[in-house]
PDB file of N, CA and C in Angstrom:
ATOM      1  N   MET A   1     -15.439  33.942   6.271  1.00  0.00           N
ATOM      2  CA  MET A   1     -14.137  33.715   6.883  1.00  0.00           C
ATOM      3  C   MET A   1     -13.846  32.222   7.009  1.00  0.00           C
ATOM      4  N   LYS A   2     -14.867  31.446   7.434  1.00  0.00           N
ATOM      5  CA  LYS A   2     -14.668  30.007   7.594  1.00  0.00           C
ATOM      6  C   LYS A   2     -14.385  29.340   6.255  1.00  0.00           C
ATOM      7  N   LYS A   3     -15.021  29.849   5.186  1.00  0.00           N
ATOM      8  CA  LYS A   3     -14.791  29.280   3.855  1.00  0.00           C
ATOM      9  C   LYS A   3     -13.357  29.512   3.404  1.00  0.00           C
ATOM     10  N   LYS A   4     -12.815  30.694   3.709  1.00  0.00           N
ATOM     11  CA  LYS A   4     -11.437  30.998   3.334  1.00  0.00           C
ATOM     12  C   LYS A   4     -10.464  30.096   4.084  1.00  0.00           C
ATOM     13  N   ILE A   5     -10.709  29.895   5.370  1.00  0.00           N
ATOM     14  CA  ILE A   5      -9.839  29.021   6.169  1.00  0.00           C
ATOM     15  C   ILE A   5      -9.913  27.591   5.649  1.00  0.00           C
ATOM     16  N   CYS A   6     -11.122  27.146   5.336  1.00  0.00           N
ATOM     17  CA  CYS A   6     -11.297  25.797   4.798  1.00  0.00           C
ATOM     18  C   CYS A   6     -10.575  25.650   3.463  1.00  0.00           C
ATOM     19  N   LEU A   7     -10.689  26.671   2.605  1.00  0.00           N
ATOM     20  CA  LEU A   7     -10.019  26.648   1.307  1.00  0.00           C
ATOM     21  C   LEU A   7      -8.502  26.602   1.476  1.00  0.00           C
ATOM     22  N   ILE A   8      -7.982  27.394   2.393  1.00  0.00           N
ATOM     23  CA  ILE A   8      -6.537  27.408   2.646  1.00  0.00           C
ATOM     24  C   ILE A   8      -6.073  26.055   3.171  1.00  0.00           C
ATOM     25  N   MET A   9      -6.832  25.461   4.070  1.00  0.00           N
ATOM     26  CA  MET A   9      -6.464  24.147   4.616  1.00  0.00           C
ATOM     27  C   MET A   9      -6.486  23.084   3.524  1.00  0.00           C
ATOM     28  N   CYS A  10      -7.494  23.125   2.658  1.00  0.00           N
ATOM     29  CA  CYS A  10      -7.577  22.159   1.557  1.00  0.00           C
ATOM     30  C   CYS A  10      -6.397  22.319   0.609  1.00  0.00           C
ATOM     31  N   MET A  11      -6.050  23.561   0.294  1.00  0.00           N
ATOM     32  CA  MET A  11      -4.907  23.817  -0.584  1.00  0.00           C
ATOM     33  C   MET A  11      -3.616  23.305   0.056  1.00  0.00           C
ATOM     34  N   ALA A  12      -3.474  23.507   1.359  1.00  0.00           N
ATOM     35  CA  ALA A  12      -2.280  23.028   2.057  1.00  0.00           C
ATOM     36  C   ALA A  12      -2.188  21.509   1.993  1.00  0.00           C
ATOM     37  N   LEU A  13      -3.317  20.825   2.154  1.00  0.00           N
ATOM     38  CA  LEU A  13      -3.315  19.363   2.062  1.00  0.00           C
ATOM     39  C   LEU A  13      -2.947  18.892   0.662  1.00  0.00           C
ATOM     40  N   ILE A  14      -3.486  19.548  -0.356  1.00  0.00           N
ATOM     41  CA  ILE A  14      -3.184  19.171  -1.740  1.00  0.00           C
ATOM     42  C   ILE A  14      -1.708  19.387  -2.039  1.00  0.00           C
ATOM     43  N   VAL A  15      -1.175  20.530  -1.633  1.00  0.00           N
ATOM     44  CA  VAL A  15       0.245  20.819  -1.867  1.00  0.00           C
ATOM     45  C   VAL A  15       1.124  19.821  -1.126  1.00  0.00           C
ATOM     46  N   THR A  16       0.776  19.490   0.101  1.00  0.00           N
ATOM     47  CA  THR A  16       1.553  18.518   0.880  1.00  0.00           C
ATOM     48  C   THR A  16       1.535  17.148   0.217  1.00  0.00           C
ATOM     49  N   ALA A  17       0.366  16.721  -0.251  1.00  0.00           N
ATOM     50  CA  ALA A  17       0.267  15.420  -0.916  1.00  0.00           C
ATOM     51  C   ALA A  17       1.094  15.407  -2.191  1.00  0.00           C
ATOM     52  N   PHE A  18       1.030  16.482  -2.970  1.00  0.00           N
ATOM     53  CA  PHE A  18       1.807  16.558  -4.201  1.00  0.00           C
ATOM     54  C   PHE A  18       3.298  16.536  -3.903  1.00  0.00           C
ATOM     55  N   ALA A  19       3.718  17.292  -2.907  1.00  0.00           N
ATOM     56  CA  ALA A  19       5.137  17.360  -2.565  1.00  0.00           C
ATOM     57  C   ALA A  19       5.658  16.016  -2.083  1.00  0.00           C
ATOM     58  N   SER A  20       4.849  15.289  -1.328  1.00  0.00           N
ATOM     59  CA  SER A  20       5.318  14.000  -0.817  1.00  0.00           C
ATOM     60  C   SER A  20       5.502  12.991  -1.944  1.00  0.00           C
ATOM     61  N   VAL A  21       4.686  13.100  -3.003  1.00  0.00           N
ATOM     62  CA  VAL A  21       4.834  12.194  -4.145  1.00  0.00           C
ATOM     63  C   VAL A  21       5.950  12.668  -5.061  1.00  0.00           C
ATOM     64  N   ALA A  22       5.978  13.958  -5.358  1.00  0.00           N
ATOM     65  CA  ALA A  22       6.943  14.496  -6.313  1.00  0.00           C
ATOM     66  C   ALA A  22       8.373  14.465  -5.789  1.00  0.00           C
ATOM     67  N   PHE A  23       8.533  14.692  -4.500  1.00  0.00           N
ATOM     68  CA  PHE A  23       9.881  14.770  -3.948  1.00  0.00           C
ATOM     69  C   PHE A  23      10.177  13.614  -3.001  1.00  0.00           C
ATOM     70  N   ALA A  24       9.588  12.464  -3.271  1.00  0.00           N
ATOM     71  CA  ALA A  24       9.802  11.296  -2.414  1.00  0.00           C
ATOM     72  C   ALA A  24      11.275  10.897  -2.450  1.00  0.00           C
ATOM     73  N   ARG A  25      11.817  10.656  -1.287  1.00  0.00           N
ATOM     74  CA  ARG A  25      13.221  10.265  -1.181  1.00  0.00           C
ATOM     75  C   ARG A  25      13.367   8.792  -1.511  1.00  0.00           C
ATOM     76  N   LYS A  26      14.354   8.478  -2.334  1.00  0.00           N
ATOM     77  CA  LYS A  26      14.634   7.077  -2.624  1.00  0.00           C
ATOM     78  C   LYS A  26      15.322   6.456  -1.419  1.00  0.00           C
ATOM     79  N   GLU A  27      15.100   5.161  -1.239  1.00  0.00           N
ATOM     80  CA  GLU A  27      15.791   4.453  -0.162  1.00  0.00           C
ATOM     81  C   GLU A  27      17.266   4.327  -0.534  1.00  0.00           C
ATOM     82  N   GLN A  28      18.122   4.608   0.423  1.00  0.00           N
ATOM     83  CA  GLN A  28      19.554   4.524   0.199  1.00  0.00           C
ATOM     84  C   GLN A  28      20.184   3.580   1.203  1.00  0.00           C
ATOM     85  N   CYS A  29      21.254   2.952   0.785  1.00  0.00           N
ATOM     86  CA  CYS A  29      22.014   2.065   1.663  1.00  0.00           C
ATOM     87  C   CYS A  29      22.585   2.901   2.811  1.00  0.00           C
ATOM     88  N   SER A  30      22.377   2.444   4.026  1.00  0.00           N
ATOM     89  CA  SER A  30      22.869   3.204   5.179  1.00  0.00           C
ATOM     90  C   SER A  30      24.382   3.066   5.353  1.00  0.00           C
ATOM     91  N   TYR A  31      25.004   2.138   4.629  1.00  0.00           N
ATOM     92  CA  TYR A  31      26.453   1.943   4.743  1.00  0.00           C
ATOM     93  C   TYR A  31      27.225   2.767   3.720  1.00  0.00           C
ATOM     94  N   CYS A  32      26.769   2.737   2.434  1.00  0.00           N
ATOM     95  CA  CYS A  32      27.539   3.422   1.396  1.00  0.00           C
ATOM     96  C   CYS A  32      26.775   4.568   0.730  1.00  0.00           C
ATOM     97  N   GLY A  33      25.468   4.704   0.960  1.00  0.00           N
ATOM     98  CA  GLY A  33      24.690   5.811   0.404  1.00  0.00           C
ATOM     99  C   GLY A  33      24.175   5.596  -1.007  1.00  0.00           C
ATOM    100  N   THR A  34      24.425   4.435  -1.587  1.00  0.00           N
ATOM    101  CA  THR A  34      23.947   4.131  -2.938  1.00  0.00           C
ATOM    102  C   THR A  34      22.442   3.883  -2.917  1.00  0.00           C
ATOM    103  N   ASP A  35      21.749   4.299  -3.997  1.00  0.00           N
ATOM    104  CA  ASP A  35      20.309   4.038  -4.095  1.00  0.00           C
ATOM    105  C   ASP A  35      20.059   2.540  -4.174  1.00  0.00           C
ATOM    106  N   MET A  36      19.108   2.070  -3.378  1.00  0.00           N
ATOM    107  CA  MET A  36      18.743   0.652  -3.378  1.00  0.00           C
ATOM    108  C   MET A  36      17.989   0.336  -4.668  1.00  0.00           C
ATOM    109  N   VAL A  37      18.136  -0.890  -5.175  1.00  0.00           N
ATOM    110  CA  VAL A  37      17.439  -1.304  -6.393  1.00  0.00           C
ATOM    111  C   VAL A  37      16.569  -2.518  -6.101  1.00  0.00           C
ATOM    112  N   CYS A  38      15.439  -2.579  -6.797  1.00  0.00           N
ATOM    113  CA  CYS A  38      14.542  -3.725  -6.673  1.00  0.00           C
ATOM    114  C   CYS A  38      15.086  -4.829  -7.573  1.00  0.00           C
ATOM    115  N   TYR A  39      15.397  -5.982  -6.999  1.00  0.00           N
ATOM    116  CA  TYR A  39      15.957  -7.064  -7.789  1.00  0.00           C
ATOM    117  C   TYR A  39      14.984  -8.211  -8.006  1.00  0.00           C
ATOM    118  N   ASP A  40      13.852  -8.227  -7.312  1.00  0.00           N
ATOM    119  CA  ASP A  40      12.884  -9.312  -7.511  1.00  0.00           C
ATOM    120  C   ASP A  40      11.521  -8.886  -6.976  1.00  0.00           C
ATOM    121  N   VAL A  41      10.472  -9.430  -7.590  1.00  0.00           N
ATOM    122  CA  VAL A  41       9.093  -9.199  -7.149  1.00  0.00           C
ATOM    123  C   VAL A  41       8.433 -10.562  -7.023  1.00  0.00           C
ATOM    124  N   SER A  42       7.815 -10.823  -5.873  1.00  0.00           N
ATOM    125  CA  SER A  42       7.173 -12.121  -5.658  1.00  0.00           C
ATOM    126  C   SER A  42       5.837 -12.181  -6.385  1.00  0.00           C
ATOM    127  N   ASP A  43       5.336 -13.392  -6.550  1.00  0.00           N
ATOM    128  CA  ASP A  43       3.979 -13.578  -7.046  1.00  0.00           C
ATOM    129  C   ASP A  43       3.016 -13.127  -5.956  1.00  0.00           C
ATOM    130  N   GLU A  44       1.809 -12.780  -6.357  1.00  0.00           N
ATOM    131  CA  GLU A  44       0.805 -12.368  -5.381  1.00  0.00           C
ATOM    132  C   GLU A  44       0.376 -13.586  -4.563  1.00  0.00           C
ATOM    133  N   TYR A  45       0.239 -13.415  -3.264  1.00  0.00           N
ATOM    134  CA  TYR A  45      -0.121 -14.516  -2.375  1.00  0.00           C
ATOM    135  C   TYR A  45      -1.147 -14.037  -1.351  1.00  0.00           C
ATOM    136  N   VAL A  46      -1.865 -14.989  -0.747  1.00  0.00           N
ATOM    137  CA  VAL A  46      -2.884 -14.661   0.251  1.00  0.00           C
ATOM    138  C   VAL A  46      -2.205 -14.417   1.596  1.00  0.00           C
ATOM    139  N   VAL A  47      -2.436 -13.240   2.166  1.00  0.00           N
ATOM    140  CA  VAL A  47      -1.877 -12.882   3.463  1.00  0.00           C
ATOM    141  C   VAL A  47      -2.831 -13.294   4.576  1.00  0.00           C
ATOM    142  N   ARG A  48      -4.125 -13.033   4.365  1.00  0.00           N
ATOM    143  CA  ARG A  48      -5.108 -13.268   5.422  1.00  0.00           C
ATOM    144  C   ARG A  48      -6.484 -13.419   4.795  1.00  0.00           C
ATOM    145  N   VAL A  49      -7.312 -14.263   5.402  1.00  0.00           N
ATOM    146  CA  VAL A  49      -8.712 -14.410   4.999  1.00  0.00           C
ATOM    147  C   VAL A  49      -9.568 -14.234   6.247  1.00  0.00           C
ATOM    148  N   TYR A  50     -10.585 -13.394   6.152  1.00  0.00           N
ATOM    149  CA  TYR A  50     -11.488 -13.172   7.279  1.00  0.00           C
ATOM    150  C   TYR A  50     -12.873 -12.840   6.739  1.00  0.00           C
ATOM    151  N   THR A  51     -13.843 -12.715   7.630  1.00  0.00           N
ATOM    152  CA  THR A  51     -15.199 -12.382   7.206  1.00  0.00           C
ATOM    153  C   THR A  51     -15.583 -11.001   7.713  1.00  0.00           C
ATOM    154  N   SER A  52     -16.495 -10.378   6.974  1.00  0.00           N
ATOM    155  CA  SER A  52     -16.987  -9.054   7.325  1.00  0.00           C
ATOM    156  C   SER A  52     -18.463  -8.986   6.961  1.00  0.00           C
ATOM    157  N   THR A  53     -19.183  -8.095   7.589  1.00  0.00           N
ATOM    158  CA  THR A  53     -20.609  -7.944   7.314  1.00  0.00           C
ATOM    159  C   THR A  53     -20.827  -7.577   5.849  1.00  0.00           C
ATOM    160  N   CYS A  54     -21.785  -8.240   5.228  1.00  0.00           N
ATOM    161  CA  CYS A  54     -22.119  -8.005   3.823  1.00  0.00           C
ATOM    162  C   CYS A  54     -22.611  -6.572   3.635  1.00  0.00           C
ATOM    163  N   LEU A  55     -22.223  -5.966   2.517  1.00  0.00           N
ATOM    164  CA  LEU A  55     -22.666  -4.605   2.229  1.00  0.00           C
ATOM    165  C   LEU A  55     -24.141  -4.563   1.835  1.00  0.00           C
ATOM    166  N   ASN A  56     -24.653  -5.680   1.278  1.00  0.00           N
ATOM    167  CA  ASN A  56     -26.044  -5.730   0.826  1.00  0.00           C
ATOM    168  C   ASN A  56     -27.002  -6.171   1.927  1.00  0.00           C
ATOM    169  N   TYR A  57     -26.558  -7.117   2.758  1.00  0.00           N
ATOM    170  CA  TYR A  57     -27.421  -7.676   3.801  1.00  0.00           C
ATOM    171  C   TYR A  57     -26.649  -7.740   5.111  1.00  0.00           C
ATOM    172  N   SER A  58     -27.141  -7.076   6.120  1.00  0.00           N
ATOM    173  CA  SER A  58     -26.421  -7.009   7.391  1.00  0.00           C
ATOM    174  C   SER A  58     -26.426  -8.334   8.149  1.00  0.00           C
ATOM    175  N   ASN A  59     -27.296  -9.273   7.764  1.00  0.00           N
ATOM    176  CA  ASN A  59     -27.348 -10.560   8.462  1.00  0.00           C
ATOM    177  C   ASN A  59     -26.484 -11.628   7.782  1.00  0.00           C
ATOM    178  N   ARG A  60     -25.703 -11.256   6.783  1.00  0.00           N
ATOM    179  CA  ARG A  60     -24.822 -12.206   6.088  1.00  0.00           C
ATOM    180  C   ARG A  60     -23.378 -11.718   6.152  1.00  0.00           C
ATOM    181  N   LEU A  61     -22.474 -12.643   5.882  1.00  0.00           N
ATOM    182  CA  LEU A  61     -21.050 -12.309   5.930  1.00  0.00           C
ATOM    183  C   LEU A  61     -20.412 -12.459   4.553  1.00  0.00           C
ATOM    184  N   ASP A  62     -19.516 -11.543   4.235  1.00  0.00           N
ATOM    185  CA  ASP A  62     -18.697 -11.633   3.031  1.00  0.00           C
ATOM    186  C   ASP A  62     -17.327 -12.169   3.428  1.00  0.00           C
ATOM    187  N   THR A  63     -16.679 -12.834   2.499  1.00  0.00           N
ATOM    188  CA  THR A  63     -15.305 -13.273   2.709  1.00  0.00           C
ATOM    189  C   THR A  63     -14.382 -12.159   2.245  1.00  0.00           C
ATOM    190  N   MET A  64     -13.442 -11.791   3.088  1.00  0.00           N
ATOM    191  CA  MET A  64     -12.446 -10.774   2.750  1.00  0.00           C
ATOM    192  C   MET A  64     -11.103 -11.480   2.593  1.00  0.00           C
ATOM    193  N   ARG A  65     -10.444 -11.225   1.481  1.00  0.00           N
ATOM    194  CA  ARG A  65      -9.155 -11.857   1.218  1.00  0.00           C
ATOM    195  C   ARG A  65      -8.119 -10.756   1.000  1.00  0.00           C
ATOM    196  N   VAL A  66      -7.040 -10.794   1.775  1.00  0.00           N
ATOM    197  CA  VAL A  66      -5.964  -9.814   1.652  1.00  0.00           C
ATOM    198  C   VAL A  66      -4.833 -10.458   0.855  1.00  0.00           C
ATOM    199  N   TRP A  67      -4.493  -9.828  -0.265  1.00  0.00           N
ATOM    200  CA  TRP A  67      -3.428 -10.314  -1.138  1.00  0.00           C
ATOM    201  C   TRP A  67      -2.177  -9.474  -0.915  1.00  0.00           C
ATOM    202  N   GLY A  68      -1.013 -10.093  -0.971  1.00  0.00           N
ATOM    203  CA  GLY A  68       0.240  -9.372  -0.782  1.00  0.00           C
ATOM    204  C   GLY A  68       1.230  -9.652  -1.895  1.00  0.00           C
ATOM    205  N   THR A  69       2.086  -8.675  -2.156  1.00  0.00           N
ATOM    206  CA  THR A  69       3.178  -8.811  -3.111  1.00  0.00           C
ATOM    207  C   THR A  69       4.431  -8.262  -2.444  1.00  0.00           C
ATOM    208  N   ASP A  70       5.518  -9.015  -2.491  1.00  0.00           N
ATOM    209  CA  ASP A  70       6.776  -8.586  -1.886  1.00  0.00           C
ATOM    210  C   ASP A  70       7.712  -8.032  -2.951  1.00  0.00           C
ATOM    211  N   TYR A  71       8.342  -6.904  -2.633  1.00  0.00           N
ATOM    212  CA  TYR A  71       9.364  -6.306  -3.486  1.00  0.00           C
ATOM    213  C   TYR A  71      10.678  -6.388  -2.722  1.00  0.00           C
ATOM    214  N   PHE A  72      11.682  -7.020  -3.313  1.00  0.00           N
ATOM    215  CA  PHE A  72      12.961  -7.244  -2.649  1.00  0.00           C
ATOM    216  C   PHE A  72      13.984  -6.231  -3.158  1.00  0.00           C
ATOM    217  N   PHE A  73      14.592  -5.494  -2.231  1.00  0.00           N
ATOM    218  CA  PHE A  73      15.579  -4.472  -2.567  1.00  0.00           C
ATOM    219  C   PHE A  73      16.936  -4.855  -1.987  1.00  0.00           C
ATOM    220  N   LYS A  74      17.997  -4.417  -2.674  1.00  0.00           N
ATOM    221  CA  LYS A  74      19.350  -4.638  -2.162  1.00  0.00           C
ATOM    222  C   LYS A  74      20.257  -3.513  -2.630  1.00  0.00           C
ATOM    223  N   CYS A  75      21.383  -3.403  -1.976  1.00  0.00           N
ATOM    224  CA  CYS A  75      22.393  -2.420  -2.351  1.00  0.00           C
ATOM    225  C   CYS A  75      23.131  -2.947  -3.585  1.00  0.00           C
ATOM    226  N   PRO A  76      23.161  -2.175  -4.690  1.00  0.00           N
ATOM    227  CA  PRO A  76      23.812  -2.657  -5.909  1.00  0.00           C
ATOM    228  C   PRO A  76      25.331  -2.493  -5.906  1.00  0.00           C
ATOM    229  N   ASN A  77      25.865  -1.793  -4.923  1.00  0.00           N
ATOM    230  CA  ASN A  77      27.300  -1.552  -4.856  1.00  0.00           C
ATOM    231  C   ASN A  77      28.018  -2.866  -4.533  1.00  0.00           C
ATOM    232  N   ARG A  78      28.842  -3.345  -5.461  1.00  0.00           N
ATOM    233  CA  ARG A  78      29.521  -4.641  -5.277  1.00  0.00           C
ATOM    234  C   ARG A  78      30.483  -4.632  -4.094  1.00  0.00           C
ATOM    235  N   SER A  79      31.065  -3.496  -3.809  1.00  0.00           N
ATOM    236  CA  SER A  79      32.004  -3.444  -2.685  1.00  0.00           C
ATOM    237  C   SER A  79      31.278  -3.371  -1.344  1.00  0.00           C
ATOM    238  N   CYS A  80      29.988  -3.072  -1.359  1.00  0.00           N
ATOM    239  CA  CYS A  80      29.205  -3.011  -0.120  1.00  0.00           C
ATOM    240  C   CYS A  80      28.254  -4.206  -0.087  1.00  0.00           C
ATOM    241  N   GLY A  81      27.134  -4.083  -0.764  1.00  0.00           N
ATOM    242  CA  GLY A  81      26.172  -5.183  -0.871  1.00  0.00           C
ATOM    243  C   GLY A  81      25.637  -5.726   0.438  1.00  0.00           C
ATOM    244  N   ILE A  82      25.746  -4.966   1.510  1.00  0.00           N
ATOM    245  CA  ILE A  82      25.366  -5.461   2.834  1.00  0.00           C
ATOM    246  C   ILE A  82      23.865  -5.379   3.057  1.00  0.00           C
ATOM    247  N   GLU A  83      23.288  -4.218   2.753  1.00  0.00           N
ATOM    248  CA  GLU A  83      21.909  -3.954   3.163  1.00  0.00           C
ATOM    249  C   GLU A  83      20.890  -4.504   2.165  1.00  0.00           C
ATOM    250  N   THR A  84      19.858  -5.151   2.701  1.00  0.00           N
ATOM    251  CA  THR A  84      18.719  -5.610   1.910  1.00  0.00           C
ATOM    252  C   THR A  84      17.449  -5.352   2.714  1.00  0.00           C
ATOM    253  N   PHE A  85      16.321  -5.188   2.021  1.00  0.00           N
ATOM    254  CA  PHE A  85      15.045  -5.087   2.716  1.00  0.00           C
ATOM    255  C   PHE A  85      13.925  -5.514   1.788  1.00  0.00           C
ATOM    256  N   THR A  86      12.775  -5.783   2.377  1.00  0.00           N
ATOM    257  CA  THR A  86      11.589  -6.207   1.640  1.00  0.00           C
ATOM    258  C   THR A  86      10.463  -5.223   1.904  1.00  0.00           C
ATOM    259  N   ASN A  87       9.783  -4.822   0.838  1.00  0.00           N
ATOM    260  CA  ASN A  87       8.617  -3.952   0.957  1.00  0.00           C
ATOM    261  C   ASN A  87       7.401  -4.752   0.496  1.00  0.00           C
ATOM    262  N   THR A  88       6.390  -4.868   1.339  1.00  0.00           N
ATOM    263  CA  THR A  88       5.192  -5.639   1.004  1.00  0.00           C
ATOM    264  C   THR A  88       4.021  -4.692   0.776  1.00  0.00           C
ATOM    265  N   THR A  89       3.364  -4.843  -0.371  1.00  0.00           N
ATOM    266  CA  THR A  89       2.146  -4.079  -0.644  1.00  0.00           C
ATOM    267  C   THR A  89       0.968  -5.045  -0.600  1.00  0.00           C
ATOM    268  N   THR A  90      -0.171  -4.555  -0.132  1.00  0.00           N
ATOM    269  CA  THR A  90      -1.347  -5.417  -0.011  1.00  0.00           C
ATOM    270  C   THR A  90      -2.553  -4.776  -0.677  1.00  0.00           C
ATOM    271  N   ARG A  91      -3.500  -5.624  -1.045  1.00  0.00           N
ATOM    272  CA  ARG A  91      -4.796  -5.164  -1.535  1.00  0.00           C
ATOM    273  C   ARG A  91      -5.850  -6.100  -0.962  1.00  0.00           C
ATOM    274  N   THR A  92      -7.044  -5.576  -0.707  1.00  0.00           N
ATOM    275  CA  THR A  92      -8.119  -6.363  -0.109  1.00  0.00           C
ATOM    276  C   THR A  92      -9.214  -6.609  -1.133  1.00  0.00           C
ATOM    277  N   GLU A  93      -9.653  -7.852  -1.209  1.00  0.00           N
ATOM    278  CA  GLU A  93     -10.708  -8.258  -2.136  1.00  0.00           C
ATOM    279  C   GLU A  93     -11.915  -8.712  -1.324  1.00  0.00           C
ATOM    280  N   ARG A  94     -13.083  -8.190  -1.651  1.00  0.00           N
ATOM    281  CA  ARG A  94     -14.336  -8.587  -0.990  1.00  0.00           C
ATOM    282  C   ARG A  94     -15.044  -9.576  -1.903  1.00  0.00           C
ATOM    283  N   ILE A  95     -15.432 -10.738  -1.344  1.00  0.00           N
ATOM    284  CA  ILE A  95     -16.134 -11.762  -2.106  1.00  0.00           C
ATOM    285  C   ILE A  95     -17.542 -11.887  -1.544  1.00  0.00           C
ATOM    286  N   CYS A  96     -18.523 -11.460  -2.335  1.00  0.00           N
ATOM    287  CA  CYS A  96     -19.928 -11.510  -1.926  1.00  0.00           C
ATOM    288  C   CYS A  96     -20.669 -12.389  -2.927  1.00  0.00           C
ATOM    289  N   ASN A  97     -21.131 -13.556  -2.479  1.00  0.00           N
ATOM    290  CA  ASN A  97     -21.845 -14.486  -3.355  1.00  0.00           C
ATOM    291  C   ASN A  97     -23.348 -14.441  -3.135  1.00  0.00           C
ATOM    292  N   HIS A  98     -23.833 -13.386  -2.512  1.00  0.00           N
ATOM    293  CA  HIS A  98     -25.259 -13.298  -2.216  1.00  0.00           C
ATOM    294  C   HIS A  98     -25.984 -12.613  -3.368  1.00  0.00           C
ATOM    295  N   PRO A  99     -26.993 -13.261  -3.929  1.00  0.00           N
ATOM    296  CA  PRO A  99     -27.781 -12.592  -4.972  1.00  0.00           C
ATOM    297  C   PRO A  99     -28.474 -11.363  -4.386  1.00  0.00           C
ATOM    298  N   LYS A 100     -28.627 -10.347  -5.184  1.00  0.00           N
ATOM    299  CA  LYS A 100     -29.210  -9.084  -4.711  1.00  0.00           C
ATOM    300  C   LYS A 100     -30.646  -9.251  -4.203  1.00  0.00           C
ATOM    301  N   ASP A 101     -31.400 -10.216  -4.762  1.00  0.00           N
ATOM    302  CA  ASP A 101     -32.806 -10.329  -4.379  1.00  0.00           C
ATOM    303  C   ASP A 101     -33.072 -11.368  -3.297  1.00  0.00           C
ATOM    304  N   SER A 102     -32.056 -12.111  -2.845  1.00  0.00           N
ATOM    305  CA  SER A 102     -32.288 -13.125  -1.802  1.00  0.00           C
ATOM    306  C   SER A 102     -32.247 -12.485  -0.422  1.00  0.00           C
ATOM    307  N   LYS A 103     -32.967 -13.074   0.495  1.00  0.00           N
ATOM    308  CA  LYS A 103     -32.983 -12.548   1.868  1.00  0.00           C
ATOM    309  C   LYS A 103     -32.605 -13.621   2.828  1.00  0.00           C
TER     310      LYS A 103
END
């Protein structure tokens, strides 16, 4: 019985994830209802730098660098053109310069 419930829950999660990607709503201008368009993408830039415990050695620190990219959207309707917004995506890079055999 528990296996069936677990299977049903897993299927529900998969279907929900698929539906959220497949039927994702496009951003629309709140004034005129036109679909917003991406008009520019920034170069990747450093958002934040911090340290974290090394995955190989718990007594050392790795440098963590968070990179960001901005996507600029605006309303393409010439008679409206009021609404704009920015969407920022980030990725994290771990920098570990510790040789595997050093202690």
